[in-house]
Amino acid sequence: MSQKVIKIINPLGLHARPAAKIVECAGRFSSDIWLQYNDKEIDAKSIMSVLMLAAPVGAELGLRIEGSDESPARDALEQLFATGFGELE
């Protein structure tokens, strides 16, 4: 199992576009992937669940991955968050 804390750095926080990118990225991997925020843990492969987190800029999310490809999944999601979902100026 892999765990990491990741921070939302894009100015608008976790809205529809970033949520879709998270789900698309997570869906490329067979591992189970969860995000945690404000005592909620959700399936990162579910668009509705990711949207329901409603995490603002600066929020720190727990990322938990379990499965055969957890290392590349973690790397891909870390990169996605680190680039601000492509929304940084």
Protein backbone atom coordinates (compact mmCIF):
# COMPACT_ATOMS: atom_id res chain seq x y z
CA MET A 1 0.00 0.00 0.00
CA SER A 2 1.21 3.49 -0.86
CA GLN A 3 0.14 6.64 0.99
CA LYS A 4 0.97 10.26 0.32
CA VAL A 5 -0.33 13.74 1.15
CA ILE A 6 -0.86 15.92 -1.92
CA LYS A 7 -1.81 19.57 -2.09
CA ILE A 8 -4.23 21.31 -4.45
CA ILE A 9 -2.35 24.26 -5.97
CA ASN A 10 -4.52 25.32 -8.89
CA PRO A 11 -6.35 28.62 -8.17
CA LEU A 12 -9.92 27.28 -8.47
CA GLY A 13 -9.48 24.15 -6.37
CA LEU A 14 -11.08 20.83 -7.15
CA HIS A 15 -13.81 21.68 -9.67
CA ALA A 16 -15.16 19.74 -12.66
CA ARG A 17 -12.11 19.86 -14.96
CA PRO A 18 -9.54 18.74 -12.37
CA ALA A 19 -11.96 16.11 -11.06
CA ALA A 20 -12.30 14.67 -14.57
CA LYS A 21 -8.52 14.61 -14.95
CA ILE A 22 -8.11 12.78 -11.64
CA VAL A 23 -10.70 10.16 -12.63
CA GLU A 24 -9.15 9.73 -16.08
CA CYS A 25 -5.67 9.34 -14.58
CA ALA A 26 -6.80 6.94 -11.84
CA GLY A 27 -8.75 4.89 -14.38
CA ARG A 28 -5.57 4.03 -16.27
CA PHE A 29 -4.43 1.85 -13.38
CA SER A 30 -5.74 -1.42 -11.96
CA SER A 31 -4.88 -0.45 -8.36
CA ASP A 32 -7.57 0.76 -5.99
CA ILE A 33 -7.09 4.51 -5.48
CA TRP A 34 -8.68 6.61 -2.73
CA LEU A 35 -8.58 10.30 -1.87
CA GLN A 36 -9.20 11.56 1.67
CA TYR A 37 -10.31 15.04 2.69
CA ASN A 38 -12.19 16.31 5.75
CA ASP A 39 -12.76 12.83 7.19
CA LYS A 40 -14.15 11.56 3.87
CA GLU A 41 -12.46 8.84 1.87
CA ILE A 42 -13.63 8.39 -1.70
CA ASP A 43 -12.89 6.25 -4.74
CA ALA A 44 -10.72 8.37 -7.07
CA LYS A 45 -12.18 6.56 -10.08
CA SER A 46 -15.67 7.97 -9.41
CA ILE A 47 -16.32 11.44 -10.87
CA MET A 48 -19.24 12.12 -8.54
CA SER A 49 -17.22 11.14 -5.47
CA VAL A 50 -14.27 13.33 -6.48
CA LEU A 51 -16.57 16.29 -7.14
CA MET A 52 -18.24 15.84 -3.75
CA LEU A 53 -14.91 16.49 -2.01
CA ALA A 54 -15.16 20.15 -3.09
CA ALA A 55 -11.59 20.77 -1.93
CA PRO A 56 -10.35 24.37 -2.28
CA VAL A 57 -6.94 25.63 -3.31
CA GLY A 58 -4.44 24.86 -0.56
CA ALA A 59 -6.31 21.76 0.63
CA GLU A 60 -4.18 18.77 1.51
CA LEU A 61 -5.60 15.43 0.42
CA GLY A 62 -4.57 11.99 1.48
CA LEU A 63 -3.81 9.69 -1.42
CA ARG A 64 -3.97 5.94 -0.75
CA ILE A 65 -3.23 3.36 -3.43
CA GLU A 66 -3.28 -0.40 -3.19
CA GLY A 67 -2.53 -2.79 -6.01
CA SER A 68 -0.01 -4.14 -8.47
CA ASP A 69 0.71 -0.81 -10.20
CA GLU A 70 0.55 1.51 -7.19
CA SER A 71 3.97 3.08 -7.76
CA PRO A 72 3.29 4.34 -11.31
CA ALA A 73 -0.24 5.34 -10.26
CA ARG A 74 1.14 7.41 -7.38
CA ASP A 75 3.72 9.03 -9.65
CA ALA A 76 1.10 9.93 -12.28
CA LEU A 77 -1.31 11.43 -9.73
CA GLU A 78 1.46 13.33 -7.94
CA GLN A 79 2.51 14.83 -11.28
CA LEU A 80 -1.10 15.78 -12.09
CA PHE A 81 -1.51 17.62 -8.77
CA ALA A 82 2.00 19.18 -8.98
CA THR A 83 1.18 20.77 -12.34
CA GLY A 84 -2.07 22.25 -11.03
CA PHE A 85 -4.08 20.11 -13.46
CA GLY A 86 -2.72 22.28 -16.28
CA GLU A 87 -4.42 25.39 -14.85
CA LEU A 88 -1.36 27.26 -13.58
CA GLU A 89 -0.38 30.42 -15.40
